[in-house]
Amino acid sequence: MKERRTRYETAAWDAERVRALRHHLGLSQDAMAYELGGRQQTVSEWETGRYRPRGASARLLSMIAERAGFEYGTGDTGHGTRNTGDGDAGHS
């Protein structure tokens, strides 16, 4: 049986996209971390490119982005597009 995947599981979140989403939401790193149930340091590490969100963190960012009307991309397709490419690697 084929595994069911949603677009939330496939969005690629790089440093620029994470920072842009946070700014779109009008949140500080600390406030975004609180909303995500994580640490400010993790948000900072995503935004500096030290790590990339993956797994549940990437899906949660994608869900938040979509509900906030924020255009996010996947893979290397550029910003502002939605695609169902493969997932990304990194640290959550």
Protein backbone atom coordinates (compact mmCIF):
# COMPACT_ATOMS: atom_id res chain seq x y z
CA MET A 1 0.00 0.00 0.00
CA LYS A 2 1.33 3.44 -0.90
CA GLU A 3 2.09 5.78 2.01
CA ARG A 4 -0.20 8.80 2.11
CA ARG A 5 1.67 12.12 2.24
CA THR A 6 0.37 15.65 2.43
CA ARG A 7 1.95 18.88 1.26
CA TYR A 8 2.66 19.67 4.89
CA GLU A 9 5.22 16.86 4.96
CA THR A 10 7.08 18.06 1.88
CA ALA A 11 7.70 21.77 2.33
CA ALA A 12 11.38 22.66 2.41
CA TRP A 13 12.16 25.14 5.15
CA ASP A 14 15.47 26.94 4.79
CA ALA A 15 16.76 29.83 6.91
CA GLU A 16 15.25 32.51 4.69
CA ARG A 17 11.79 30.92 4.64
CA VAL A 18 11.70 30.42 8.41
CA ARG A 19 12.71 34.05 9.00
CA ALA A 20 10.21 35.31 6.40
CA LEU A 21 7.38 33.32 8.00
CA ARG A 22 8.25 34.67 11.44
CA HIS A 23 8.26 38.23 10.12
CA HIS A 24 4.98 37.60 8.26
CA LEU A 25 3.46 36.51 11.57
CA GLY A 26 4.93 39.52 13.39
CA LEU A 27 6.64 37.37 16.00
CA SER A 28 9.98 37.53 17.79
CA GLN A 29 12.11 34.37 17.81
CA ASP A 30 11.06 33.81 21.41
CA ALA A 31 7.36 34.21 20.62
CA MET A 32 7.59 31.89 17.60
CA ALA A 33 9.39 29.28 19.70
CA TYR A 34 6.64 29.52 22.31
CA GLU A 35 3.93 29.07 19.67
CA LEU A 36 5.76 26.03 18.26
CA GLY A 37 6.39 24.54 21.69
CA GLY A 38 10.14 24.80 21.25
CA ARG A 39 13.13 26.91 22.21
CA GLN A 40 14.23 30.33 20.95
CA GLN A 41 17.65 28.82 20.28
CA THR A 42 16.11 26.32 17.86
CA VAL A 43 14.37 29.08 15.90
CA SER A 44 17.65 31.01 15.83
CA GLU A 45 19.52 27.94 14.55
CA TRP A 46 16.95 27.49 11.79
CA GLU A 47 17.25 31.15 10.80
CA THR A 48 21.04 31.09 10.71
CA GLY A 49 21.06 27.89 8.67
CA ARG A 50 22.80 25.83 11.32
CA TYR A 51 19.92 23.36 11.18
CA ARG A 52 16.80 22.96 9.07
CA PRO A 53 13.36 22.08 10.39
CA ARG A 54 12.40 18.50 9.59
CA GLY A 55 9.70 16.02 10.45
CA ALA A 56 6.95 17.35 12.70
CA SER A 57 8.59 20.78 12.93
CA ALA A 58 8.56 21.22 9.15
CA ARG A 59 4.94 20.03 8.93
CA LEU A 60 3.89 22.41 11.70
CA LEU A 61 5.64 25.35 9.98
CA SER A 62 3.87 24.45 6.74
CA MET A 63 0.48 24.27 8.43
CA ILE A 64 1.03 27.62 10.13
CA ALA A 65 2.23 29.17 6.88
CA GLU A 66 -0.77 27.99 4.92
CA ARG A 67 -3.27 29.14 7.53
CA ALA A 68 -1.53 32.54 7.71
CA GLY A 69 -1.65 32.97 3.92
CA PHE A 70 2.15 32.82 3.66
CA GLU A 71 3.48 31.50 0.37
CA TYR A 72 6.21 28.96 0.95
CA GLY A 73 8.09 26.73 -1.46
CA THR A 74 9.51 23.26 -1.49
CA GLY A 75 12.78 21.81 -2.63
CA ASP A 76 14.79 24.14 -4.84
CA THR A 77 11.80 25.42 -6.79
CA GLY A 78 12.04 28.93 -5.39
CA HIS A 79 9.84 30.97 -3.11
CA GLY A 80 6.15 31.45 -3.50
CA THR A 81 5.41 28.07 -5.00
CA ARG A 82 3.84 25.00 -3.55
CA ASN A 83 5.11 21.67 -4.73
CA THR A 84 4.99 18.06 -3.57
CA GLY A 85 8.68 17.21 -3.96
CA ASP A 86 10.69 15.11 -1.54
CA GLY A 87 11.23 16.21 2.07
CA ASP A 88 14.24 17.99 3.50
CA ALA A 89 17.03 17.08 5.86
CA GLY A 90 18.12 18.73 9.03
CA HIS A 91 17.52 19.16 12.71
CA SER A 92 14.23 19.86 14.40
